Amino acid sequence: MILTTTEHIHGKKIVKTLGLVKGNTIRARHIGRDIAAVFRNMVGGEITDYTKMLAESREQSIDRMTAQAKEQGANAITMVRFSTSSMMQNAAELLVYGTAVVIEDE
């Protein structure tokens, strides 16, 4: 499965557009991580627990979007975008979406 943020894929032609596909996940922060983050914020630097949580969320969302595209018969997804939103205090949604397409070599 080819994923791209662009409308076209070099060397390929889109032969069929299947439509919107998406994947999302909602994650809640852990109170222990929040305490550690407060201390990290005092001294500066990366909050690695949150970095790891966001990376896992992105991968899970991409996996869900890709599975939906495969179910529709796609072999690529174009115009991939990410969005985040706060769902409630200490919980956020990560959404990824794009256009499922069938591509062939030019």
PDB file of N, CA and C in Angstrom:
ATOM      1  N   MET A   1       0.858  -1.180   0.000  1.00  0.00           N
ATOM      2  CA  MET A   1       0.000   0.000   0.000  1.00  0.00           C
ATOM      3  C   MET A   1       0.899   1.235   0.000  1.00  0.00           C
ATOM      4  N   ILE A   2       0.685   2.095  -0.972  1.00  0.00           N
ATOM      5  CA  ILE A   2       1.425   3.352  -1.047  1.00  0.00           C
ATOM      6  C   ILE A   2       0.590   4.435  -0.373  1.00  0.00           C
ATOM      7  N   LEU A   3       1.213   5.181   0.548  1.00  0.00           N
ATOM      8  CA  LEU A   3       0.565   6.320   1.198  1.00  0.00           C
ATOM      9  C   LEU A   3       1.333   7.575   0.803  1.00  0.00           C
ATOM     10  N   THR A   4       0.602   8.612   0.418  1.00  0.00           N
ATOM     11  CA  THR A   4       1.251   9.857   0.041  1.00  0.00           C
ATOM     12  C   THR A   4       0.396  11.052   0.436  1.00  0.00           C
ATOM     13  N   THR A   5       1.066  12.151   0.719  1.00  0.00           N
ATOM     14  CA  THR A   5       0.345  13.382   1.035  1.00  0.00           C
ATOM     15  C   THR A   5       0.014  14.183  -0.219  1.00  0.00           C
ATOM     16  N   THR A   6       0.484  13.702  -1.354  1.00  0.00           N
ATOM     17  CA  THR A   6       0.250  14.404  -2.617  1.00  0.00           C
ATOM     18  C   THR A   6      -0.968  13.831  -3.346  1.00  0.00           C
ATOM     19  N   GLU A   7      -1.385  14.560  -4.391  1.00  0.00           N
ATOM     20  CA  GLU A   7      -2.535  14.125  -5.176  1.00  0.00           C
ATOM     21  C   GLU A   7      -2.162  13.058  -6.199  1.00  0.00           C
ATOM     22  N   HIS A   8      -0.912  13.101  -6.650  1.00  0.00           N
ATOM     23  CA  HIS A   8      -0.433  12.172  -7.672  1.00  0.00           C
ATOM     24  C   HIS A   8       0.770  11.396  -7.148  1.00  0.00           C
ATOM     25  N   ILE A   9       1.029  10.251  -7.758  1.00  0.00           N
ATOM     26  CA  ILE A   9       2.190   9.429  -7.414  1.00  0.00           C
ATOM     27  C   ILE A   9       3.037   9.311  -8.673  1.00  0.00           C
ATOM     28  N   HIS A  10       4.267   9.788  -8.594  1.00  0.00           N
ATOM     29  CA  HIS A  10       5.154   9.792  -9.754  1.00  0.00           C
ATOM     30  C   HIS A  10       5.300   8.376 -10.326  1.00  0.00           C
ATOM     31  N   GLY A  11       5.125   8.260 -11.622  1.00  0.00           N
ATOM     32  CA  GLY A  11       5.276   6.982 -12.308  1.00  0.00           C
ATOM     33  C   GLY A  11       4.047   6.092 -12.245  1.00  0.00           C
ATOM     34  N   LYS A  12       2.996   6.579 -11.617  1.00  0.00           N
ATOM     35  CA  LYS A  12       1.747   5.814 -11.493  1.00  0.00           C
ATOM     36  C   LYS A  12       0.597   6.644 -12.038  1.00  0.00           C
ATOM     37  N   LYS A  13      -0.457   5.972 -12.458  1.00  0.00           N
ATOM     38  CA  LYS A  13      -1.676   6.674 -12.835  1.00  0.00           C
ATOM     39  C   LYS A  13      -2.831   6.118 -12.016  1.00  0.00           C
ATOM     40  N   ILE A  14      -3.693   6.998 -11.604  1.00  0.00           N
ATOM     41  CA  ILE A  14      -4.878   6.593 -10.841  1.00  0.00           C
ATOM     42  C   ILE A  14      -5.927   6.123 -11.828  1.00  0.00           C
ATOM     43  N   VAL A  15      -6.340   4.859 -11.700  1.00  0.00           N
ATOM     44  CA  VAL A  15      -7.326   4.307 -12.618  1.00  0.00           C
ATOM     45  C   VAL A  15      -8.720   4.253 -11.997  1.00  0.00           C
ATOM     46  N   LYS A  16      -8.768   4.387 -10.671  1.00  0.00           N
ATOM     47  CA  LYS A  16     -10.067   4.381 -10.003  1.00  0.00           C
ATOM     48  C   LYS A  16      -9.938   5.088  -8.662  1.00  0.00           C
ATOM     49  N   THR A  17     -10.879   5.974  -8.379  1.00  0.00           N
ATOM     50  CA  THR A  17     -10.944   6.636  -7.080  1.00  0.00           C
ATOM     51  C   THR A  17     -12.069   5.990  -6.282  1.00  0.00           C
ATOM     52  N   LEU A  18     -11.725   5.480  -5.115  1.00  0.00           N
ATOM     53  CA  LEU A  18     -12.696   4.747  -4.299  1.00  0.00           C
ATOM     54  C   LEU A  18     -13.331   5.603  -3.206  1.00  0.00           C
ATOM     55  N   GLY A  19     -12.694   6.700  -2.854  1.00  0.00           N
ATOM     56  CA  GLY A  19     -13.296   7.606  -1.888  1.00  0.00           C
ATOM     57  C   GLY A  19     -12.529   7.727  -0.585  1.00  0.00           C
ATOM     58  N   LEU A  20     -13.153   8.407   0.351  1.00  0.00           N
ATOM     59  CA  LEU A  20     -12.561   8.725   1.639  1.00  0.00           C
ATOM     60  C   LEU A  20     -12.347   7.472   2.483  1.00  0.00           C
ATOM     61  N   VAL A  21     -11.165   7.389   3.076  1.00  0.00           N
ATOM     62  CA  VAL A  21     -10.880   6.367   4.087  1.00  0.00           C
ATOM     63  C   VAL A  21     -10.281   7.081   5.291  1.00  0.00           C
ATOM     64  N   LYS A  22     -10.497   6.507   6.466  1.00  0.00           N
ATOM     65  CA  LYS A  22     -10.010   7.159   7.674  1.00  0.00           C
ATOM     66  C   LYS A  22      -9.707   6.134   8.750  1.00  0.00           C
ATOM     67  N   GLY A  23      -8.920   6.560   9.689  1.00  0.00           N
ATOM     68  CA  GLY A  23      -8.625   5.748  10.861  1.00  0.00           C
ATOM     69  C   GLY A  23      -8.404   6.690  12.029  1.00  0.00           C
ATOM     70  N   ASN A  24      -8.814   6.289  13.199  1.00  0.00           N
ATOM     71  CA  ASN A  24      -8.610   7.154  14.350  1.00  0.00           C
ATOM     72  C   ASN A  24      -8.372   6.348  15.611  1.00  0.00           C
ATOM     73  N   THR A  25      -7.894   7.044  16.610  1.00  0.00           N
ATOM     74  CA  THR A  25      -7.740   6.471  17.933  1.00  0.00           C
ATOM     75  C   THR A  25      -7.894   7.602  18.939  1.00  0.00           C
ATOM     76  N   ILE A  26      -8.389   7.270  20.102  1.00  0.00           N
ATOM     77  CA  ILE A  26      -8.517   8.230  21.187  1.00  0.00           C
ATOM     78  C   ILE A  26      -7.688   7.709  22.347  1.00  0.00           C
ATOM     79  N   ARG A  27      -6.817   8.548  22.833  1.00  0.00           N
ATOM     80  CA  ARG A  27      -5.919   8.152  23.926  1.00  0.00           C
ATOM     81  C   ARG A  27      -6.099   9.078  25.112  1.00  0.00           C
ATOM     82  N   ALA A  28      -6.032   8.500  26.280  1.00  0.00           N
ATOM     83  CA  ALA A  28      -6.072   9.273  27.520  1.00  0.00           C
ATOM     84  C   ALA A  28      -4.679   9.309  28.123  1.00  0.00           C
ATOM     85  N   ARG A  29      -4.354  10.427  28.737  1.00  0.00           N
ATOM     86  CA  ARG A  29      -3.063  10.543  29.400  1.00  0.00           C
ATOM     87  C   ARG A  29      -3.114   9.792  30.725  1.00  0.00           C
ATOM     88  N   HIS A  30      -1.966   9.344  31.144  1.00  0.00           N
ATOM     89  CA  HIS A  30      -1.806   8.597  32.393  1.00  0.00           C
ATOM     90  C   HIS A  30      -1.311   9.558  33.459  1.00  0.00           C
ATOM     91  N   ILE A  31      -1.914   9.535  34.636  1.00  0.00           N
ATOM     92  CA  ILE A  31      -1.563  10.469  35.698  1.00  0.00           C
ATOM     93  C   ILE A  31      -0.079  10.392  36.067  1.00  0.00           C
ATOM     94  N   GLY A  32       0.493   9.217  36.047  1.00  0.00           N
ATOM     95  CA  GLY A  32       1.922   9.075  36.334  1.00  0.00           C
ATOM     96  C   GLY A  32       2.772   9.771  35.298  1.00  0.00           C
ATOM     97  N   ARG A  33       2.359   9.674  34.043  1.00  0.00           N
ATOM     98  CA  ARG A  33       3.084  10.356  32.971  1.00  0.00           C
ATOM     99  C   ARG A  33       2.938  11.864  33.109  1.00  0.00           C
ATOM    100  N   ASP A  34       1.745  12.308  33.531  1.00  0.00           N
ATOM    101  CA  ASP A  34       1.536  13.743  33.716  1.00  0.00           C
ATOM    102  C   ASP A  34       2.474  14.307  34.778  1.00  0.00           C
ATOM    103  N   ILE A  35       2.656  13.579  35.859  1.00  0.00           N
ATOM    104  CA  ILE A  35       3.554  14.029  36.922  1.00  0.00           C
ATOM    105  C   ILE A  35       4.981  14.118  36.400  1.00  0.00           C
ATOM    106  N   ALA A  36       5.398  13.104  35.681  1.00  0.00           N
ATOM    107  CA  ALA A  36       6.746  13.110  35.101  1.00  0.00           C
ATOM    108  C   ALA A  36       6.892  14.261  34.099  1.00  0.00           C
ATOM    109  N   ALA A  37       5.828  14.539  33.341  1.00  0.00           N
ATOM    110  CA  ALA A  37       5.864  15.623  32.356  1.00  0.00           C
ATOM    111  C   ALA A  37       6.021  16.986  33.035  1.00  0.00           C
ATOM    112  N   VAL A  38       5.393  17.159  34.185  1.00  0.00           N
ATOM    113  CA  VAL A  38       5.522  18.415  34.920  1.00  0.00           C
ATOM    114  C   VAL A  38       6.982  18.648  35.303  1.00  0.00           C
ATOM    115  N   PHE A  39       7.634  17.610  35.796  1.00  0.00           N
ATOM    116  CA  PHE A  39       9.048  17.739  36.160  1.00  0.00           C
ATOM    117  C   PHE A  39       9.917  18.004  34.935  1.00  0.00           C
ATOM    118  N   ARG A  40       9.618  17.322  33.827  1.00  0.00           N
ATOM    119  CA  ARG A  40      10.380  17.521  32.598  1.00  0.00           C
ATOM    120  C   ARG A  40      10.191  18.946  32.094  1.00  0.00           C
ATOM    121  N   ASN A  41       8.981  19.467  32.241  1.00  0.00           N
ATOM    122  CA  ASN A  41       8.689  20.818  31.802  1.00  0.00           C
ATOM    123  C   ASN A  41       9.514  21.843  32.590  1.00  0.00           C
ATOM    124  N   MET A  42       9.793  21.535  33.844  1.00  0.00           N
ATOM    125  CA  MET A  42      10.577  22.443  34.682  1.00  0.00           C
ATOM    126  C   MET A  42      12.022  22.553  34.206  1.00  0.00           C
ATOM    127  N   VAL A  43      12.591  21.448  33.769  1.00  0.00           N
ATOM    128  CA  VAL A  43      13.993  21.449  33.369  1.00  0.00           C
ATOM    129  C   VAL A  43      14.169  21.520  31.854  1.00  0.00           C
ATOM    130  N   GLY A  44      13.103  21.332  31.114  1.00  0.00           N
ATOM    131  CA  GLY A  44      13.166  21.401  29.659  1.00  0.00           C
ATOM    132  C   GLY A  44      13.498  20.055  29.045  1.00  0.00           C
ATOM    133  N   GLY A  45      13.259  19.951  27.760  1.00  0.00           N
ATOM    134  CA  GLY A  45      13.571  18.730  27.032  1.00  0.00           C
ATOM    135  C   GLY A  45      12.327  17.994  26.578  1.00  0.00           C
ATOM    136  N   GLU A  46      12.572  16.939  25.858  1.00  0.00           N
ATOM    137  CA  GLU A  46      11.496  16.127  25.289  1.00  0.00           C
ATOM    138  C   GLU A  46      10.788  15.322  26.369  1.00  0.00           C
ATOM    139  N   ILE A  47       9.472  15.234  26.240  1.00  0.00           N
ATOM    140  CA  ILE A  47       8.673  14.382  27.127  1.00  0.00           C
ATOM    141  C   ILE A  47       8.483  13.067  26.375  1.00  0.00           C
ATOM    142  N   THR A  48       9.391  12.148  26.596  1.00  0.00           N
ATOM    143  CA  THR A  48       9.468  10.936  25.774  1.00  0.00           C
ATOM    144  C   THR A  48       8.232  10.048  25.896  1.00  0.00           C
ATOM    145  N   ASP A  49       7.595  10.014  27.058  1.00  0.00           N
ATOM    146  CA  ASP A  49       6.384   9.197  27.192  1.00  0.00           C
ATOM    147  C   ASP A  49       5.278   9.690  26.256  1.00  0.00           C
ATOM    148  N   TYR A  50       5.137  10.999  26.146  1.00  0.00           N
ATOM    149  CA  TYR A  50       4.116  11.545  25.253  1.00  0.00           C
ATOM    150  C   TYR A  50       4.510  11.361  23.789  1.00  0.00           C
ATOM    151  N   THR A  51       5.783  11.502  23.494  1.00  0.00           N
ATOM    152  CA  THR A  51       6.267  11.278  22.133  1.00  0.00           C
ATOM    153  C   THR A  51       5.953   9.853  21.699  1.00  0.00           C
ATOM    154  N   LYS A  52       6.226   8.903  22.579  1.00  0.00           N
ATOM    155  CA  LYS A  52       5.952   7.491  22.288  1.00  0.00           C
ATOM    156  C   LYS A  52       4.447   7.252  22.119  1.00  0.00           C
ATOM    157  N   MET A  53       3.632   7.845  22.991  1.00  0.00           N
ATOM    158  CA  MET A  53       2.186   7.659  22.919  1.00  0.00           C
ATOM    159  C   MET A  53       1.636   8.210  21.597  1.00  0.00           C
ATOM    160  N   LEU A  54       2.119   9.381  21.178  1.00  0.00           N
ATOM    161  CA  LEU A  54       1.648   9.957  19.928  1.00  0.00           C
ATOM    162  C   LEU A  54       2.103   9.145  18.717  1.00  0.00           C
ATOM    163  N   ALA A  55       3.329   8.636  18.747  1.00  0.00           N
ATOM    164  CA  ALA A  55       3.819   7.794  17.652  1.00  0.00           C
ATOM    165  C   ALA A  55       2.973   6.528  17.531  1.00  0.00           C
ATOM    166  N   GLU A  56       2.659   5.908  18.665  1.00  0.00           N
ATOM    167  CA  GLU A  56       1.812   4.708  18.650  1.00  0.00           C
ATOM    168  C   GLU A  56       0.419   5.041  18.129  1.00  0.00           C
ATOM    169  N   SER A  57      -0.115   6.185  18.506  1.00  0.00           N
ATOM    170  CA  SER A  57      -1.438   6.606  18.046  1.00  0.00           C
ATOM    171  C   SER A  57      -1.449   6.819  16.536  1.00  0.00           C
ATOM    172  N   ARG A  58      -0.398   7.460  16.023  1.00  0.00           N
ATOM    173  CA  ARG A  58      -0.311   7.664  14.569  1.00  0.00           C
ATOM    174  C   ARG A  58      -0.277   6.338  13.834  1.00  0.00           C
ATOM    175  N   GLU A  59       0.550   5.423  14.300  1.00  0.00           N
ATOM    176  CA  GLU A  59       0.668   4.118  13.635  1.00  0.00           C
ATOM    177  C   GLU A  59      -0.647   3.347  13.677  1.00  0.00           C
ATOM    178  N   GLN A  60      -1.322   3.368  14.816  1.00  0.00           N
ATOM    179  CA  GLN A  60      -2.601   2.658  14.934  1.00  0.00           C
ATOM    180  C   GLN A  60      -3.639   3.281  13.993  1.00  0.00           C
ATOM    181  N   SER A  61      -3.684   4.593  13.917  1.00  0.00           N
ATOM    182  CA  SER A  61      -4.623   5.267  13.023  1.00  0.00           C
ATOM    183  C   SER A  61      -4.331   4.948  11.560  1.00  0.00           C
ATOM    184  N   ILE A  62      -3.052   4.965  11.192  1.00  0.00           N
ATOM    185  CA  ILE A  62      -2.663   4.621   9.821  1.00  0.00           C
ATOM    186  C   ILE A  62      -3.043   3.178   9.507  1.00  0.00           C
ATOM    187  N   ASP A  63      -2.801   2.262  10.437  1.00  0.00           N
ATOM    188  CA  ASP A  63      -3.166   0.853  10.228  1.00  0.00           C
ATOM    189  C   ASP A  63      -4.665   0.700   9.990  1.00  0.00           C
ATOM    190  N   ARG A  64      -5.469   1.423  10.751  1.00  0.00           N
ATOM    191  CA  ARG A  64      -6.927   1.348  10.587  1.00  0.00           C
ATOM    192  C   ARG A  64      -7.371   1.925   9.255  1.00  0.00           C
ATOM    193  N   MET A  65      -6.763   3.048   8.843  1.00  0.00           N
ATOM    194  CA  MET A  65      -7.098   3.644   7.556  1.00  0.00           C
ATOM    195  C   MET A  65      -6.699   2.712   6.414  1.00  0.00           C
ATOM    196  N   THR A  66      -5.509   2.149   6.507  1.00  0.00           N
ATOM    197  CA  THR A  66      -5.012   1.239   5.468  1.00  0.00           C
ATOM    198  C   THR A  66      -5.897  -0.001   5.355  1.00  0.00           C
ATOM    199  N   ALA A  67      -6.335  -0.535   6.480  1.00  0.00           N
ATOM    200  CA  ALA A  67      -7.228  -1.704   6.463  1.00  0.00           C
ATOM    201  C   ALA A  67      -8.537  -1.364   5.764  1.00  0.00           C
ATOM    202  N   GLN A  68      -9.077  -0.192   6.032  1.00  0.00           N
ATOM    203  CA  GLN A  68     -10.318   0.222   5.380  1.00  0.00           C
ATOM    204  C   GLN A  68     -10.116   0.362   3.870  1.00  0.00           C
ATOM    205  N   ALA A  69      -8.985   0.904   3.463  1.00  0.00           N
ATOM    206  CA  ALA A  69      -8.692   1.055   2.034  1.00  0.00           C
ATOM    207  C   ALA A  69      -8.561  -0.304   1.347  1.00  0.00           C
ATOM    208  N   LYS A  70      -7.875  -1.241   2.006  1.00  0.00           N
ATOM    209  CA  LYS A  70      -7.717  -2.585   1.432  1.00  0.00           C
ATOM    210  C   LYS A  70      -9.067  -3.268   1.272  1.00  0.00           C
ATOM    211  N   GLU A  71      -9.964  -3.089   2.244  1.00  0.00           N
ATOM    212  CA  GLU A  71     -11.305  -3.673   2.146  1.00  0.00           C
ATOM    213  C   GLU A  71     -12.053  -3.155   0.921  1.00  0.00           C
ATOM    214  N   GLN A  72     -11.757  -1.931   0.515  1.00  0.00           N
ATOM    215  CA  GLN A  72     -12.405  -1.334  -0.650  1.00  0.00           C
ATOM    216  C   GLN A  72     -11.694  -1.680  -1.957  1.00  0.00           C
ATOM    217  N   GLY A  73     -10.550  -2.370  -1.864  1.00  0.00           N
ATOM    218  CA  GLY A  73      -9.815  -2.772  -3.059  1.00  0.00           C
ATOM    219  C   GLY A  73      -8.733  -1.803  -3.499  1.00  0.00           C
ATOM    220  N   ALA A  74      -8.373  -0.862  -2.646  1.00  0.00           N
ATOM    221  CA  ALA A  74      -7.353   0.130  -2.985  1.00  0.00           C
ATOM    222  C   ALA A  74      -5.955  -0.452  -2.852  1.00  0.00           C
ATOM    223  N   ASN A  75      -5.020   0.110  -3.623  1.00  0.00           N
ATOM    224  CA  ASN A  75      -3.611  -0.239  -3.449  1.00  0.00           C
ATOM    225  C   ASN A  75      -2.765   0.999  -3.135  1.00  0.00           C
ATOM    226  N   ALA A  76      -3.456   2.136  -2.934  1.00  0.00           N
ATOM    227  CA  ALA A  76      -2.765   3.374  -2.541  1.00  0.00           C
ATOM    228  C   ALA A  76      -3.769   4.316  -1.879  1.00  0.00           C
ATOM    229  N   ILE A  77      -3.227   5.247  -1.109  1.00  0.00           N
ATOM    230  CA  ILE A  77      -4.039   6.304  -0.503  1.00  0.00           C
ATOM    231  C   ILE A  77      -3.315   7.622  -0.766  1.00  0.00           C
ATOM    232  N   THR A  78      -4.026   8.546  -1.399  1.00  0.00           N
ATOM    233  CA  THR A  78      -3.455   9.856  -1.693  1.00  0.00           C
ATOM    234  C   THR A  78      -4.046  10.902  -0.755  1.00  0.00           C
ATOM    235  N   MET A  79      -3.411  12.082  -0.740  1.00  0.00           N
ATOM    236  CA  MET A  79      -3.888  13.227   0.037  1.00  0.00           C
ATOM    237  C   MET A  79      -4.047  12.896   1.533  1.00  0.00           C
ATOM    238  N   VAL A  80      -3.113  12.144   2.077  1.00  0.00           N
ATOM    239  CA  VAL A  80      -3.174  11.743   3.486  1.00  0.00           C
ATOM    240  C   VAL A  80      -2.954  12.963   4.381  1.00  0.00           C
ATOM    241  N   ARG A  81      -3.823  13.104   5.371  1.00  0.00           N
ATOM    242  CA  ARG A  81      -3.755  14.214   6.323  1.00  0.00           C
ATOM    243  C   ARG A  81      -3.988  13.689   7.741  1.00  0.00           C
ATOM    244  N   PHE A  82      -3.422  14.410   8.707  1.00  0.00           N
ATOM    245  CA  PHE A  82      -3.621  14.099  10.123  1.00  0.00           C
ATOM    246  C   PHE A  82      -4.363  15.250  10.789  1.00  0.00           C
ATOM    247  N   SER A  83      -5.157  14.907  11.780  1.00  0.00           N
ATOM    248  CA  SER A  83      -5.867  15.912  12.559  1.00  0.00           C
ATOM    249  C   SER A  83      -5.924  15.433  14.003  1.00  0.00           C
ATOM    250  N   THR A  84      -5.853  16.365  14.922  1.00  0.00           N
ATOM    251  CA  THR A  84      -6.005  16.023  16.330  1.00  0.00           C
ATOM    252  C   THR A  84      -7.063  16.920  16.941  1.00  0.00           C
ATOM    253  N   SER A  85      -7.723  16.406  17.965  1.00  0.00           N
ATOM    254  CA  SER A  85      -8.695  17.214  18.691  1.00  0.00           C
ATOM    255  C   SER A  85      -8.797  16.699  20.117  1.00  0.00           C
ATOM    256  N   SER A  86      -9.167  17.597  20.981  1.00  0.00           N
ATOM    257  CA  SER A  86      -9.358  17.251  22.385  1.00  0.00           C
ATOM    258  C   SER A  86     -10.776  16.711  22.550  1.00  0.00           C
ATOM    259  N   MET A  87     -10.896  15.528  23.112  1.00  0.00           N
ATOM    260  CA  MET A  87     -12.213  14.910  23.289  1.00  0.00           C
ATOM    261  C   MET A  87     -12.808  15.243  24.655  1.00  0.00           C
ATOM    262  N   MET A  88     -11.960  15.286  25.630  1.00  0.00           N
ATOM    263  CA  MET A  88     -12.343  15.599  27.001  1.00  0.00           C
ATOM    264  C   MET A  88     -11.055  15.913  27.739  1.00  0.00           C
ATOM    265  N   GLN A  89     -11.168  16.311  28.984  1.00  0.00           N
ATOM    266  CA  GLN A  89      -9.947  16.609  29.726  1.00  0.00           C
ATOM    267  C   GLN A  89      -9.071  15.361  29.785  1.00  0.00           C
ATOM    268  N   ASN A  90      -7.818  15.522  29.415  1.00  0.00           N
ATOM    269  CA  ASN A  90      -6.816  14.447  29.437  1.00  0.00           C
ATOM    270  C   ASN A  90      -7.022  13.364  28.389  1.00  0.00           C
ATOM    271  N   ALA A  91      -7.813  13.617  27.353  1.00  0.00           N
ATOM    272  CA  ALA A  91      -7.981  12.635  26.274  1.00  0.00           C
ATOM    273  C   ALA A  91      -8.020  13.374  24.936  1.00  0.00           C
ATOM    274  N   ALA A  92      -7.360  12.787  23.936  1.00  0.00           N
ATOM    275  CA  ALA A  92      -7.306  13.412  22.614  1.00  0.00           C
ATOM    276  C   ALA A  92      -7.520  12.368  21.534  1.00  0.00           C
ATOM    277  N   GLU A  93      -8.089  12.812  20.423  1.00  0.00           N
ATOM    278  CA  GLU A  93      -8.284  11.957  19.257  1.00  0.00           C
ATOM    279  C   GLU A  93      -7.225  12.294  18.224  1.00  0.00           C
ATOM    280  N   LEU A  94      -6.698  11.272  17.595  1.00  0.00           N
ATOM    281  CA  LEU A  94      -5.823  11.445  16.445  1.00  0.00           C
ATOM    282  C   LEU A  94      -6.524  10.791  15.264  1.00  0.00           C
ATOM    283  N   LEU A  95      -6.770  11.567  14.222  1.00  0.00           N
ATOM    284  CA  LEU A  95      -7.477  11.106  13.031  1.00  0.00           C
ATOM    285  C   LEU A  95      -6.555  11.235  11.834  1.00  0.00           C
ATOM    286  N   VAL A  96      -6.525  10.214  10.988  1.00  0.00           N
ATOM    287  CA  VAL A  96      -5.816  10.267   9.716  1.00  0.00           C
ATOM    288  C   VAL A  96      -6.835   9.930   8.630  1.00  0.00           C
ATOM    289  N   TYR A  97      -6.750  10.658   7.505  1.00  0.00           N
ATOM    290  CA  TYR A  97      -7.708  10.429   6.424  1.00  0.00           C
ATOM    291  C   TYR A  97      -7.037  10.687   5.086  1.00  0.00           C
ATOM    292  N   GLY A  98      -7.628  10.118   4.056  1.00  0.00           N
ATOM    293  CA  GLY A  98      -7.105  10.294   2.711  1.00  0.00           C
ATOM    294  C   GLY A  98      -8.079   9.727   1.693  1.00  0.00           C
ATOM    295  N   THR A  99      -7.639   9.697   0.442  1.00  0.00           N
ATOM    296  CA  THR A  99      -8.456   9.188  -0.649  1.00  0.00           C
ATOM    297  C   THR A  99      -7.917   7.837  -1.108  1.00  0.00           C
ATOM    298  N   ALA A 100      -8.755   6.814  -1.013  1.00  0.00           N
ATOM    299  CA  ALA A 100      -8.368   5.467  -1.456  1.00  0.00           C
ATOM    300  C   ALA A 100      -8.464   5.422  -2.983  1.00  0.00           C
ATOM    301  N   VAL A 101      -7.401   4.899  -3.603  1.00  0.00           N
ATOM    302  CA  VAL A 101      -7.352   4.827  -5.065  1.00  0.00           C
ATOM    303  C   VAL A 101      -6.748   3.508  -5.522  1.00  0.00           C
ATOM    304  N   VAL A 102      -7.008   3.192  -6.777  1.00  0.00           N
ATOM    305  CA  VAL A 102      -6.333   2.071  -7.429  1.00  0.00           C
ATOM    306  C   VAL A 102      -5.377   2.689  -8.436  1.00  0.00           C
ATOM    307  N   ILE A 103      -4.115   2.276  -8.352  1.00  0.00           N
ATOM    308  CA  ILE A 103      -3.095   2.826  -9.247  1.00  0.00           C
ATOM    309  C   ILE A 103      -2.482   1.718 -10.093  1.00  0.00           C
ATOM    310  N   GLU A 104      -1.925   2.133 -11.221  1.00  0.00           N
ATOM    311  CA  GLU A 104      -1.176   1.237 -12.109  1.00  0.00           C
ATOM    312  C   GLU A 104       0.062   1.977 -12.584  1.00  0.00           C
ATOM    313  N   ASP A 105       1.061   1.235 -13.059  1.00  0.00           N
ATOM    314  CA  ASP A 105       2.243   1.867 -13.638  1.00  0.00           C
ATOM    315  C   ASP A 105       1.851   2.629 -14.896  1.00  0.00           C
ATOM    316  N   GLU A 106       2.543   3.753 -15.123  1.00  0.00           N
ATOM    317  CA  GLU A 106       2.284   4.519 -16.344  1.00  0.00           C
ATOM    318  C   GLU A 106       2.890   3.836 -17.537  1.00  0.00           C
TER     319      GLU A 106
END
